[in-house]
Amino acid sequence: MSSQTSRYSHLIKSKALEYGFMGAGIAKAEYMEEEARRLEAWLKAGYLGQMAYMGNHFELRTDPTRLVPGAKSVISLMYNYYPGDMDQALEDGGHYKISRYAYGEDYHKVIRKKLKALVRDLQEEIGDFSARVFVDSGPVLERDWARRSGLGWMGKNTLAIHPRVGSYFFLAEIILDVELEYDTPIRDHCGTCTRCIEACPTSAIAPEGYLLDGSKCISYLTIELKEAIPEVFKDKMEGWIFGCDICQEVCPWNRFSAPHKEPAFIMKEELKQMKDRDWEELTEEIFDQLFDKSAVKRAGYGGLKRNIGFVSLSRQDT
């Protein structure tokens, strides 16, 4: 690698930190042969449930040069969302729980804004280049790029895990036509641990790990599924009405999680005050106030009410 390539790579990583990212890694933009085989098998097994979009644009998902013509590098970035002391806020209010990533404003918008500003900054330093930014958007295999760029390994729960910060972070990517210095993957540190597999109430994680049946995952059931939640899951929701963090809560690596410093991710005071009855009597007006800039809007008012009703009935029957 040339000294310029090395300089650009160091610049990108230092600038990423300035914008609040926990870290950045860089991988060569190329066809993902192994990941393509694994994705194809996952799709054929029907693990996508109703997430038909996962089967769309297969060629784009597995080849970044189709997303950015002439692409040479994929920059993966981590952005912390662990709430720290705020963590008990919803539990203190009752039994209904939403995933930690949705405590504040919609991460897509918050992080995309930072990515675009970061790219503009880099173009001023490096010169003009072609790039596209992604944050859980578009046909990008985020966890695979994070692994390829050395930002962690894919855990048995199928989430990206970093040995120094755990897994409570968003992933984002910049695909660009600039040759850079590439990082190397780190080894898997899950070892013989099976806590996530044993803790998953719906058995969504395969017995050997590293494979998720999306159609059984509580996050899928409460967010992506548009029909009634199947009765087979009646006693298995454990209070989750939007998303689920169980496989992260039990992961030993998350003992290294530190509170985020992003004002946009701080939970609203009104949300902290929600009690069981407040959730059960939630009106559309209150929903709009609580979640006006939140990722919870993906489920919609009707979807969240469905989830609350399902969890409520489950609790009454036990």
C-alpha atoms as a PDB file:
ATOM      1  CA  MET A   1       0.000   0.000   0.000  1.00  0.00           C
ATOM      2  CA  SER A   2       1.186   3.516  -0.783  1.00  0.00           C
ATOM      3  CA  SER A   3       1.806   6.130   1.883  1.00  0.00           C
ATOM      4  CA  GLN A   4      -1.147   8.104   0.455  1.00  0.00           C
ATOM      5  CA  THR A   5      -3.461   5.106   0.843  1.00  0.00           C
ATOM      6  CA  SER A   6      -2.331   4.706   4.440  1.00  0.00           C
ATOM      7  CA  ARG A   7      -2.759   8.434   5.102  1.00  0.00           C
ATOM      8  CA  TYR A   8      -6.294   8.453   3.691  1.00  0.00           C
ATOM      9  CA  SER A   9      -7.227   5.432   5.800  1.00  0.00           C
ATOM     10  CA  HIS A  10      -5.967   7.035   9.006  1.00  0.00           C
ATOM     11  CA  LEU A  11      -7.752  10.260   8.095  1.00  0.00           C
ATOM     12  CA  ILE A  12     -11.065   8.434   7.609  1.00  0.00           C
ATOM     13  CA  LYS A  13     -10.808   6.669  10.964  1.00  0.00           C
ATOM     14  CA  SER A  14      -9.880   9.811  12.880  1.00  0.00           C
ATOM     15  CA  LYS A  15     -12.642  11.848  11.202  1.00  0.00           C
ATOM     16  CA  ALA A  16     -15.164   9.115  12.036  1.00  0.00           C
ATOM     17  CA  LEU A  17     -14.296   9.477  15.718  1.00  0.00           C
ATOM     18  CA  GLU A  18     -14.770  13.247  15.462  1.00  0.00           C
ATOM     19  CA  TYR A  19     -18.302  12.643  14.212  1.00  0.00           C
ATOM     20  CA  GLY A  20     -19.111  10.469  17.198  1.00  0.00           C
ATOM     21  CA  PHE A  21     -18.641   7.012  15.723  1.00  0.00           C
ATOM     22  CA  MET A  22     -17.111   4.412  18.040  1.00  0.00           C
ATOM     23  CA  GLY A  23     -14.789   3.185  15.347  1.00  0.00           C
ATOM     24  CA  ALA A  24     -14.357   2.440  11.667  1.00  0.00           C
ATOM     25  CA  GLY A  25     -12.907  -0.432   9.669  1.00  0.00           C
ATOM     26  CA  ILE A  26     -12.153  -0.758   5.974  1.00  0.00           C
ATOM     27  CA  ALA A  27     -12.579  -3.715   3.613  1.00  0.00           C
ATOM     28  CA  LYS A  28     -11.939  -4.200  -0.073  1.00  0.00           C
ATOM     29  CA  ALA A  29     -15.042  -3.748  -2.230  1.00  0.00           C
ATOM     30  CA  GLU A  30     -15.533  -7.069  -3.965  1.00  0.00           C
ATOM     31  CA  TYR A  31     -18.058  -9.788  -4.691  1.00  0.00           C
ATOM     32  CA  MET A  32     -18.999 -11.629  -1.484  1.00  0.00           C
ATOM     33  CA  GLU A  33     -18.929 -15.231  -2.661  1.00  0.00           C
ATOM     34  CA  GLU A  34     -19.185 -17.002   0.710  1.00  0.00           C
ATOM     35  CA  GLU A  35     -21.828 -14.599   2.033  1.00  0.00           C
ATOM     36  CA  ALA A  36     -23.839 -14.972  -1.185  1.00  0.00           C
ATOM     37  CA  ARG A  37     -24.035 -18.742  -0.694  1.00  0.00           C
ATOM     38  CA  ARG A  38     -25.097 -18.315   2.936  1.00  0.00           C
ATOM     39  CA  LEU A  39     -27.755 -15.712   2.064  1.00  0.00           C
ATOM     40  CA  GLU A  40     -29.155 -17.887  -0.716  1.00  0.00           C
ATOM     41  CA  ALA A  41     -29.470 -20.860   1.666  1.00  0.00           C
ATOM     42  CA  TRP A  42     -31.135 -18.656   4.320  1.00  0.00           C
ATOM     43  CA  LEU A  43     -33.670 -17.368   1.804  1.00  0.00           C
ATOM     44  CA  LYS A  44     -34.438 -20.849   0.459  1.00  0.00           C
ATOM     45  CA  ALA A  45     -35.033 -22.116   3.998  1.00  0.00           C
ATOM     46  CA  GLY A  46     -37.791 -19.511   4.397  1.00  0.00           C
ATOM     47  CA  TYR A  47     -36.203 -17.824   7.389  1.00  0.00           C
ATOM     48  CA  LEU A  48     -37.117 -14.402   6.011  1.00  0.00           C
ATOM     49  CA  GLY A  49     -40.811 -14.771   6.954  1.00  0.00           C
ATOM     50  CA  GLN A  50     -42.716 -11.885   5.319  1.00  0.00           C
ATOM     51  CA  MET A  51     -39.562  -9.818   4.785  1.00  0.00           C
ATOM     52  CA  ALA A  52     -39.759 -10.252   1.013  1.00  0.00           C
ATOM     53  CA  TYR A  53     -37.388  -7.309   0.536  1.00  0.00           C
ATOM     54  CA  MET A  54     -34.560  -9.517   1.833  1.00  0.00           C
ATOM     55  CA  GLY A  55     -34.799 -11.525  -1.374  1.00  0.00           C
ATOM     56  CA  ASN A  56     -34.743  -8.454  -3.618  1.00  0.00           C
ATOM     57  CA  HIS A  57     -31.644  -7.107  -5.365  1.00  0.00           C
ATOM     58  CA  PHE A  58     -29.548 -10.188  -4.552  1.00  0.00           C
ATOM     59  CA  GLU A  59     -26.738  -9.104  -6.905  1.00  0.00           C
ATOM     60  CA  LEU A  60     -26.586  -5.655  -5.324  1.00  0.00           C
ATOM     61  CA  ARG A  61     -26.482  -7.132  -1.810  1.00  0.00           C
ATOM     62  CA  THR A  62     -23.502  -9.296  -2.580  1.00  0.00           C
ATOM     63  CA  ASP A  63     -21.470  -6.967  -4.805  1.00  0.00           C
ATOM     64  CA  PRO A  64     -20.814  -3.351  -3.716  1.00  0.00           C
ATOM     65  CA  THR A  65     -19.381  -2.454  -7.125  1.00  0.00           C
ATOM     66  CA  ARG A  66     -22.957  -2.672  -8.433  1.00  0.00           C
ATOM     67  CA  LEU A  67     -24.031  -0.054  -5.885  1.00  0.00           C
ATOM     68  CA  VAL A  68     -21.140   2.302  -6.626  1.00  0.00           C
ATOM     69  CA  PRO A  69     -19.558   1.755 -10.050  1.00  0.00           C
ATOM     70  CA  GLY A  70     -15.788   1.490  -9.688  1.00  0.00           C
ATOM     71  CA  ALA A  71     -16.049   1.003  -5.913  1.00  0.00           C
ATOM     72  CA  LYS A  72     -12.770  -0.007  -4.311  1.00  0.00           C
ATOM     73  CA  SER A  73     -13.490   0.207  -0.583  1.00  0.00           C
ATOM     74  CA  VAL A  74     -16.244  -0.327   1.962  1.00  0.00           C
ATOM     75  CA  ILE A  75     -15.932   1.660   5.198  1.00  0.00           C
ATOM     76  CA  SER A  76     -17.902   0.158   8.084  1.00  0.00           C
ATOM     77  CA  LEU A  77     -18.691   2.324  11.101  1.00  0.00           C
ATOM     78  CA  MET A  78     -20.139   1.690  14.583  1.00  0.00           C
ATOM     79  CA  TYR A  79     -22.408   4.098  16.457  1.00  0.00           C
ATOM     80  CA  ASN A  80     -23.208   3.431  20.120  1.00  0.00           C
ATOM     81  CA  TYR A  81     -26.807   3.340  21.368  1.00  0.00           C
ATOM     82  CA  TYR A  82     -26.417   1.699  24.775  1.00  0.00           C
ATOM     83  CA  PRO A  83     -28.556   3.753  27.204  1.00  0.00           C
ATOM     84  CA  GLY A  84     -26.609   3.087  30.412  1.00  0.00           C
ATOM     85  CA  ASP A  85     -28.491   4.333  33.506  1.00  0.00           C
ATOM     86  CA  MET A  86     -31.559   4.947  31.354  1.00  0.00           C
ATOM     87  CA  ASP A  87     -31.789   1.194  30.912  1.00  0.00           C
ATOM     88  CA  GLN A  88     -34.126   0.666  33.842  1.00  0.00           C
ATOM     89  CA  ALA A  89     -36.538   3.416  32.814  1.00  0.00           C
ATOM     90  CA  LEU A  90     -39.085   1.252  31.034  1.00  0.00           C
ATOM     91  CA  GLU A  91     -38.688  -1.730  33.357  1.00  0.00           C
ATOM     92  CA  ASP A  92     -39.470   0.506  36.344  1.00  0.00           C
ATOM     93  CA  GLY A  93     -42.642   1.553  34.587  1.00  0.00           C
ATOM     94  CA  GLY A  94     -44.019  -1.968  34.165  1.00  0.00           C
ATOM     95  CA  HIS A  95     -43.801  -5.042  32.008  1.00  0.00           C
ATOM     96  CA  TYR A  96     -43.998  -3.653  28.482  1.00  0.00           C
ATOM     97  CA  LYS A  97     -40.624  -3.269  26.830  1.00  0.00           C
ATOM     98  CA  ILE A  98     -39.234  -1.743  23.648  1.00  0.00           C
ATOM     99  CA  SER A  99     -35.783  -2.418  22.276  1.00  0.00           C
ATOM    100  CA  ARG A 100     -33.029  -0.086  23.464  1.00  0.00           C
ATOM    101  CA  TYR A 101     -32.234   1.077  19.945  1.00  0.00           C
ATOM    102  CA  ALA A 102     -35.669   2.746  19.787  1.00  0.00           C
ATOM    103  CA  TYR A 103     -35.449   4.765  23.012  1.00  0.00           C
ATOM    104  CA  GLY A 104     -34.696   8.000  21.181  1.00  0.00           C
ATOM    105  CA  GLU A 105     -34.975   9.426  17.673  1.00  0.00           C
ATOM    106  CA  ASP A 106     -34.883   7.274  14.550  1.00  0.00           C
ATOM    107  CA  TYR A 107     -31.254   6.238  14.095  1.00  0.00           C
ATOM    108  CA  HIS A 108     -31.545   6.125  10.302  1.00  0.00           C
ATOM    109  CA  LYS A 109     -31.960   9.906  10.103  1.00  0.00           C
ATOM    110  CA  VAL A 110     -29.525  10.766  12.908  1.00  0.00           C
ATOM    111  CA  ILE A 111     -26.661   8.680  11.527  1.00  0.00           C
ATOM    112  CA  ARG A 112     -27.314   9.339   7.832  1.00  0.00           C
ATOM    113  CA  LYS A 113     -26.909  13.070   8.492  1.00  0.00           C
ATOM    114  CA  LYS A 114     -23.535  12.403  10.134  1.00  0.00           C
ATOM    115  CA  LEU A 115     -22.439  10.122   7.290  1.00  0.00           C
ATOM    116  CA  LYS A 116     -23.192  12.715   4.644  1.00  0.00           C
ATOM    117  CA  ALA A 117     -21.312  15.393   6.579  1.00  0.00           C
ATOM    118  CA  LEU A 118     -18.396  13.004   7.056  1.00  0.00           C
ATOM    119  CA  VAL A 119     -18.237  12.285   3.319  1.00  0.00           C
ATOM    120  CA  ARG A 120     -18.245  16.013   2.521  1.00  0.00           C
ATOM    121  CA  ASP A 121     -15.407  16.524   4.996  1.00  0.00           C
ATOM    122  CA  LEU A 122     -13.396  13.694   3.457  1.00  0.00           C
ATOM    123  CA  GLN A 123     -13.939  15.001  -0.077  1.00  0.00           C
ATOM    124  CA  GLU A 124     -12.454  18.319   0.973  1.00  0.00           C
ATOM    125  CA  GLU A 125      -9.350  16.518   2.262  1.00  0.00           C
ATOM    126  CA  ILE A 126      -8.989  13.730  -0.306  1.00  0.00           C
ATOM    127  CA  GLY A 127     -10.530  15.336  -3.375  1.00  0.00           C
ATOM    128  CA  ASP A 128     -13.756  14.467  -5.173  1.00  0.00           C
ATOM    129  CA  PHE A 129     -14.793  10.820  -5.172  1.00  0.00           C
ATOM    130  CA  SER A 130     -17.977   8.847  -5.750  1.00  0.00           C
ATOM    131  CA  ALA A 131     -19.654   7.418  -2.667  1.00  0.00           C
ATOM    132  CA  ARG A 132     -22.941   6.192  -1.254  1.00  0.00           C
ATOM    133  CA  VAL A 133     -23.846   5.987   2.418  1.00  0.00           C
ATOM    134  CA  PHE A 134     -26.022   3.382   4.111  1.00  0.00           C
ATOM    135  CA  VAL A 135     -27.396   2.899   7.598  1.00  0.00           C
ATOM    136  CA  ASP A 136     -29.580  -0.194   7.798  1.00  0.00           C
ATOM    137  CA  SER A 137     -30.864   0.900   4.416  1.00  0.00           C
ATOM    138  CA  GLY A 138     -30.404  -0.382   0.902  1.00  0.00           C
ATOM    139  CA  PRO A 139     -29.201  -3.833  -0.099  1.00  0.00           C
ATOM    140  CA  VAL A 140     -26.061  -4.024   2.066  1.00  0.00           C
ATOM    141  CA  LEU A 141     -24.935  -6.988   4.207  1.00  0.00           C
ATOM    142  CA  GLU A 142     -23.885  -4.804   7.118  1.00  0.00           C
ATOM    143  CA  ARG A 143     -22.763  -7.426   9.614  1.00  0.00           C
ATOM    144  CA  ASP A 144     -20.679  -9.179   6.972  1.00  0.00           C
ATOM    145  CA  TRP A 145     -18.910  -5.954   6.052  1.00  0.00           C
ATOM    146  CA  ALA A 146     -18.333  -5.210   9.732  1.00  0.00           C
ATOM    147  CA  ARG A 147     -16.728  -8.642  10.089  1.00  0.00           C
ATOM    148  CA  ARG A 148     -14.619  -8.217   6.957  1.00  0.00           C
ATOM    149  CA  SER A 149     -13.384  -4.823   8.170  1.00  0.00           C
ATOM    150  CA  GLY A 150     -12.331  -6.083  11.603  1.00  0.00           C
ATOM    151  CA  LEU A 151     -15.088  -4.392  13.626  1.00  0.00           C
ATOM    152  CA  GLY A 152     -16.054  -7.638  15.301  1.00  0.00           C
ATOM    153  CA  TRP A 153     -17.154 -11.169  14.644  1.00  0.00           C
ATOM    154  CA  MET A 154     -20.653 -12.410  13.885  1.00  0.00           C
ATOM    155  CA  GLY A 155     -21.826 -13.942  17.148  1.00  0.00           C
ATOM    156  CA  LYS A 156     -23.944 -17.032  17.675  1.00  0.00           C
ATOM    157  CA  ASN A 157     -26.922 -14.652  17.941  1.00  0.00           C
ATOM    158  CA  THR A 158     -25.949 -13.426  14.417  1.00  0.00           C
ATOM    159  CA  LEU A 159     -25.177  -9.904  15.681  1.00  0.00           C
ATOM    160  CA  ALA A 160     -21.845  -8.159  15.222  1.00  0.00           C
ATOM    161  CA  ILE A 161     -19.893  -8.280  18.499  1.00  0.00           C
ATOM    162  CA  HIS A 162     -16.837  -6.150  19.242  1.00  0.00           C
ATOM    163  CA  PRO A 163     -14.538  -7.429  22.004  1.00  0.00           C
ATOM    164  CA  ARG A 164     -14.174  -4.016  23.659  1.00  0.00           C
ATOM    165  CA  VAL A 165     -17.709  -2.604  23.360  1.00  0.00           C
ATOM    166  CA  GLY A 166     -20.139  -5.510  22.992  1.00  0.00           C
ATOM    167  CA  SER A 167     -22.999  -5.336  20.488  1.00  0.00           C
ATOM    168  CA  TYR A 168     -25.181  -2.349  21.342  1.00  0.00           C
ATOM    169  CA  PHE A 169     -24.203  -0.333  18.285  1.00  0.00           C
ATOM    170  CA  PHE A 170     -25.648   0.583  14.905  1.00  0.00           C
ATOM    171  CA  LEU A 171     -23.730  -0.248  11.766  1.00  0.00           C
ATOM    172  CA  ALA A 172     -23.306   2.118   8.836  1.00  0.00           C
ATOM    173  CA  GLU A 173     -21.324   2.009   5.593  1.00  0.00           C
ATOM    174  CA  ILE A 174     -19.672   4.276   3.075  1.00  0.00           C
ATOM    175  CA  ILE A 175     -18.970   2.612  -0.281  1.00  0.00           C
ATOM    176  CA  LEU A 176     -16.501   4.665  -2.320  1.00  0.00           C
ATOM    177  CA  ASP A 177     -14.224   4.504  -5.346  1.00  0.00           C
ATOM    178  CA  VAL A 178     -11.022   5.221  -3.420  1.00  0.00           C
ATOM    179  CA  GLU A 179      -8.391   2.575  -2.755  1.00  0.00           C
ATOM    180  CA  LEU A 180      -7.547   2.381   0.939  1.00  0.00           C
ATOM    181  CA  GLU A 181      -5.616   0.309   3.437  1.00  0.00           C
ATOM    182  CA  TYR A 182      -7.722  -2.721   4.316  1.00  0.00           C
ATOM    183  CA  ASP A 183      -8.260  -4.182   7.755  1.00  0.00           C
ATOM    184  CA  THR A 184      -8.465  -7.895   8.486  1.00  0.00           C
ATOM    185  CA  PRO A 185     -11.203  -9.860  10.275  1.00  0.00           C
ATOM    186  CA  ILE A 186     -10.739 -10.750  13.939  1.00  0.00           C
ATOM    187  CA  ARG A 187     -11.352 -14.217  15.310  1.00  0.00           C
ATOM    188  CA  ASP A 188     -14.636 -15.422  16.770  1.00  0.00           C
ATOM    189  CA  HIS A 189     -14.666 -15.111  20.561  1.00  0.00           C
ATOM    190  CA  CYS A 190     -18.016 -16.801  21.299  1.00  0.00           C
ATOM    191  CA  GLY A 191     -16.213 -20.013  22.219  1.00  0.00           C
ATOM    192  CA  THR A 192     -18.422 -22.596  23.923  1.00  0.00           C
ATOM    193  CA  CYS A 193     -20.895 -19.987  25.245  1.00  0.00           C
ATOM    194  CA  THR A 194     -24.530 -20.738  24.361  1.00  0.00           C
ATOM    195  CA  ARG A 195     -26.314 -18.159  26.548  1.00  0.00           C
ATOM    196  CA  CYS A 196     -28.069 -16.413  23.670  1.00  0.00           C
ATOM    197  CA  ILE A 197     -29.300 -19.718  22.229  1.00  0.00           C
ATOM    198  CA  GLU A 198     -30.654 -20.881  25.577  1.00  0.00           C
ATOM    199  CA  ALA A 199     -32.222 -17.517  26.454  1.00  0.00           C
ATOM    200  CA  CYS A 200     -34.183 -16.985  23.223  1.00  0.00           C
ATOM    201  CA  PRO A 201     -37.803 -17.702  24.226  1.00  0.00           C
ATOM    202  CA  THR A 202     -38.942 -18.518  20.688  1.00  0.00           C
ATOM    203  CA  SER A 203     -35.959 -20.733  19.759  1.00  0.00           C
ATOM    204  CA  ALA A 204     -35.218 -18.427  16.828  1.00  0.00           C
ATOM    205  CA  ILE A 205     -31.473 -19.122  17.048  1.00  0.00           C
ATOM    206  CA  ALA A 206     -30.333 -22.501  15.700  1.00  0.00           C
ATOM    207  CA  PRO A 207     -29.011 -24.956  18.346  1.00  0.00           C
ATOM    208  CA  GLU A 208     -25.475 -24.557  17.027  1.00  0.00           C
ATOM    209  CA  GLY A 209     -25.825 -20.763  16.720  1.00  0.00           C
ATOM    210  CA  TYR A 210     -24.847 -18.468  13.836  1.00  0.00           C
ATOM    211  CA  LEU A 211     -28.224 -18.959  12.141  1.00  0.00           C
ATOM    212  CA  LEU A 212     -31.442 -17.064  12.870  1.00  0.00           C
ATOM    213  CA  ASP A 213     -34.921 -18.069  11.784  1.00  0.00           C
ATOM    214  CA  GLY A 214     -36.193 -14.541  11.279  1.00  0.00           C
ATOM    215  CA  SER A 215     -39.815 -15.686  11.228  1.00  0.00           C
ATOM    216  CA  LYS A 216     -39.529 -16.740  14.900  1.00  0.00           C
ATOM    217  CA  CYS A 217     -37.622 -13.711  16.188  1.00  0.00           C
ATOM    218  CA  ILE A 218     -39.587 -11.424  18.540  1.00  0.00           C
ATOM    219  CA  SER A 219     -38.205  -8.391  16.699  1.00  0.00           C
ATOM    220  CA  TYR A 220     -39.718  -9.736  13.485  1.00  0.00           C
ATOM    221  CA  LEU A 221     -43.029 -10.608  15.156  1.00  0.00           C
ATOM    222  CA  THR A 222     -43.417  -7.130  16.681  1.00  0.00           C
ATOM    223  CA  ILE A 223     -42.114  -5.021  13.790  1.00  0.00           C
ATOM    224  CA  GLU A 224     -42.040  -6.757  10.407  1.00  0.00           C
ATOM    225  CA  LEU A 225     -45.026  -9.113  10.692  1.00  0.00           C
ATOM    226  CA  LYS A 226     -48.150  -7.333   9.466  1.00  0.00           C
ATOM    227  CA  GLU A 227     -50.732  -9.998  10.377  1.00  0.00           C
ATOM    228  CA  ALA A 228     -51.812 -11.326  13.748  1.00  0.00           C
ATOM    229  CA  ILE A 229     -48.984 -12.789  15.834  1.00  0.00           C
ATOM    230  CA  PRO A 230     -49.365 -16.601  15.762  1.00  0.00           C
ATOM    231  CA  GLU A 231     -50.835 -18.114  18.938  1.00  0.00           C
ATOM    232  CA  VAL A 232     -47.823 -20.420  19.261  1.00  0.00           C
ATOM    233  CA  PHE A 233     -45.872 -17.400  20.583  1.00  0.00           C
ATOM    234  CA  LYS A 234     -48.499 -16.428  23.163  1.00  0.00           C
ATOM    235  CA  ASP A 235     -46.432 -17.258  26.247  1.00  0.00           C
ATOM    236  CA  LYS A 236     -43.054 -16.379  24.764  1.00  0.00           C
ATOM    237  CA  MET A 237     -42.997 -12.601  24.268  1.00  0.00           C
ATOM    238  CA  GLU A 238     -41.610 -11.779  27.743  1.00  0.00           C
ATOM    239  CA  GLY A 239     -43.111  -8.286  27.658  1.00  0.00           C
ATOM    240  CA  TRP A 240     -41.564  -7.141  24.369  1.00  0.00           C
ATOM    241  CA  ILE A 241     -43.882  -4.946  22.315  1.00  0.00           C
ATOM    242  CA  PHE A 242     -41.306  -3.506  19.891  1.00  0.00           C
ATOM    243  CA  GLY A 243     -38.124  -5.400  19.120  1.00  0.00           C
ATOM    244  CA  CYS A 244     -36.243  -7.584  21.587  1.00  0.00           C
ATOM    245  CA  ASP A 245     -32.845  -7.407  23.305  1.00  0.00           C
ATOM    246  CA  ILE A 246     -32.762 -10.760  25.113  1.00  0.00           C
ATOM    247  CA  CYS A 247     -29.858 -12.245  23.152  1.00  0.00           C
ATOM    248  CA  GLN A 248     -27.852  -9.073  23.852  1.00  0.00           C
ATOM    249  CA  GLU A 249     -28.833  -8.873  27.517  1.00  0.00           C
ATOM    250  CA  VAL A 250     -27.369 -12.310  28.220  1.00  0.00           C
ATOM    251  CA  CYS A 251     -24.232 -11.875  26.099  1.00  0.00           C
ATOM    252  CA  PRO A 252     -21.122 -11.699  28.347  1.00  0.00           C
ATOM    253  CA  TRP A 253     -19.423  -9.289  25.942  1.00  0.00           C
ATOM    254  CA  ASN A 254     -21.997  -6.601  26.721  1.00  0.00           C
ATOM    255  CA  ARG A 255     -20.495  -6.148  30.162  1.00  0.00           C
ATOM    256  CA  PHE A 256     -18.151  -3.819  28.277  1.00  0.00           C
ATOM    257  CA  SER A 257     -21.003  -1.647  26.953  1.00  0.00           C
ATOM    258  CA  ALA A 258     -20.669   2.012  27.934  1.00  0.00           C
ATOM    259  CA  PRO A 259     -23.414   4.675  27.774  1.00  0.00           C
ATOM    260  CA  HIS A 260     -23.769   6.550  24.503  1.00  0.00           C
ATOM    261  CA  LYS A 261     -23.255  10.318  24.252  1.00  0.00           C
ATOM    262  CA  GLU A 262     -25.823  11.050  21.575  1.00  0.00           C
ATOM    263  CA  PRO A 263     -28.488  13.572  22.702  1.00  0.00           C
ATOM    264  CA  ALA A 264     -30.880  12.372  19.982  1.00  0.00           C
ATOM    265  CA  PHE A 265     -30.965   8.895  21.521  1.00  0.00           C
ATOM    266  CA  ILE A 266     -32.056  10.022  24.990  1.00  0.00           C
ATOM    267  CA  MET A 267     -35.472   8.747  25.992  1.00  0.00           C
ATOM    268  CA  LYS A 268     -38.290  11.273  26.249  1.00  0.00           C
ATOM    269  CA  GLU A 269     -39.475  12.015  29.768  1.00  0.00           C
ATOM    270  CA  GLU A 270     -43.040  11.056  28.815  1.00  0.00           C
ATOM    271  CA  LEU A 271     -41.841   7.643  27.646  1.00  0.00           C
ATOM    272  CA  LYS A 272     -39.997   7.075  30.914  1.00  0.00           C
ATOM    273  CA  GLN A 273     -43.234   7.703  32.816  1.00  0.00           C
ATOM    274  CA  MET A 274     -45.312   5.110  30.929  1.00  0.00           C
ATOM    275  CA  LYS A 275     -46.975   2.509  33.174  1.00  0.00           C
ATOM    276  CA  ASP A 276     -48.753  -0.686  32.157  1.00  0.00           C
ATOM    277  CA  ARG A 277     -52.165   0.966  32.034  1.00  0.00           C
ATOM    278  CA  ASP A 278     -50.783   3.841  29.940  1.00  0.00           C
ATOM    279  CA  TRP A 279     -49.593   1.356  27.329  1.00  0.00           C
ATOM    280  CA  GLU A 280     -52.891  -0.515  27.343  1.00  0.00           C
ATOM    281  CA  GLU A 281     -54.872   2.708  26.940  1.00  0.00           C
ATOM    282  CA  LEU A 282     -52.519   4.236  24.372  1.00  0.00           C
ATOM    283  CA  THR A 283     -54.314   6.507  21.899  1.00  0.00           C
ATOM    284  CA  GLU A 284     -53.129   7.387  18.424  1.00  0.00           C
ATOM    285  CA  GLU A 285     -52.597  10.977  19.535  1.00  0.00           C
ATOM    286  CA  ILE A 286     -50.298   9.930  22.399  1.00  0.00           C
ATOM    287  CA  PHE A 287     -48.535   7.468  20.084  1.00  0.00           C
ATOM    288  CA  ASP A 288     -47.770  10.309  17.658  1.00  0.00           C
ATOM    289  CA  GLN A 289     -46.439  12.481  20.485  1.00  0.00           C
ATOM    290  CA  LEU A 290     -44.274   9.770  22.033  1.00  0.00           C
ATOM    291  CA  PHE A 291     -42.827   8.458  18.784  1.00  0.00           C
ATOM    292  CA  ASP A 292     -42.910  11.421  16.402  1.00  0.00           C
ATOM    293  CA  LYS A 293     -39.238  10.973  15.457  1.00  0.00           C
ATOM    294  CA  SER A 294     -38.851   7.354  16.542  1.00  0.00           C
ATOM    295  CA  ALA A 295     -38.114   4.079  14.767  1.00  0.00           C
ATOM    296  CA  VAL A 296     -41.211   2.729  16.581  1.00  0.00           C
ATOM    297  CA  LYS A 297     -43.238   4.390  13.816  1.00  0.00           C
ATOM    298  CA  ARG A 298     -42.199   1.465  11.615  1.00  0.00           C
ATOM    299  CA  ALA A 299     -44.664  -0.713  13.500  1.00  0.00           C
ATOM    300  CA  GLY A 300     -47.326   2.004  13.334  1.00  0.00           C
ATOM    301  CA  TYR A 301     -50.002   2.711  15.896  1.00  0.00           C
ATOM    302  CA  GLY A 302     -52.048  -0.319  14.870  1.00  0.00           C
ATOM    303  CA  GLY A 303     -49.058  -2.615  15.004  1.00  0.00           C
ATOM    304  CA  LEU A 304     -47.984  -1.443  18.440  1.00  0.00           C
ATOM    305  CA  LYS A 305     -51.544  -1.793  19.779  1.00  0.00           C
ATOM    306  CA  ARG A 306     -51.659  -5.331  18.367  1.00  0.00           C
ATOM    307  CA  ASN A 307     -48.393  -6.143  20.169  1.00  0.00           C
ATOM    308  CA  ILE A 308     -49.580  -4.651  23.460  1.00  0.00           C
ATOM    309  CA  GLY A 309     -52.837  -6.591  23.235  1.00  0.00           C
ATOM    310  CA  PHE A 310     -51.044  -9.847  22.466  1.00  0.00           C
ATOM    311  CA  VAL A 311     -48.603  -9.451  25.365  1.00  0.00           C
ATOM    312  CA  SER A 312     -51.426  -8.370  27.691  1.00  0.00           C
ATOM    313  CA  LEU A 313     -53.515 -11.450  26.884  1.00  0.00           C
ATOM    314  CA  SER A 314     -50.471 -13.674  27.283  1.00  0.00           C
ATOM    315  CA  ARG A 315     -49.906 -12.295  30.776  1.00  0.00           C
ATOM    316  CA  GLN A 316     -53.552 -12.728  31.752  1.00  0.00           C
ATOM    317  CA  ASP A 317     -53.510 -16.379  30.707  1.00  0.00           C
ATOM    318  CA  THR A 318     -50.422 -17.244  32.762  1.00  0.00           C
END
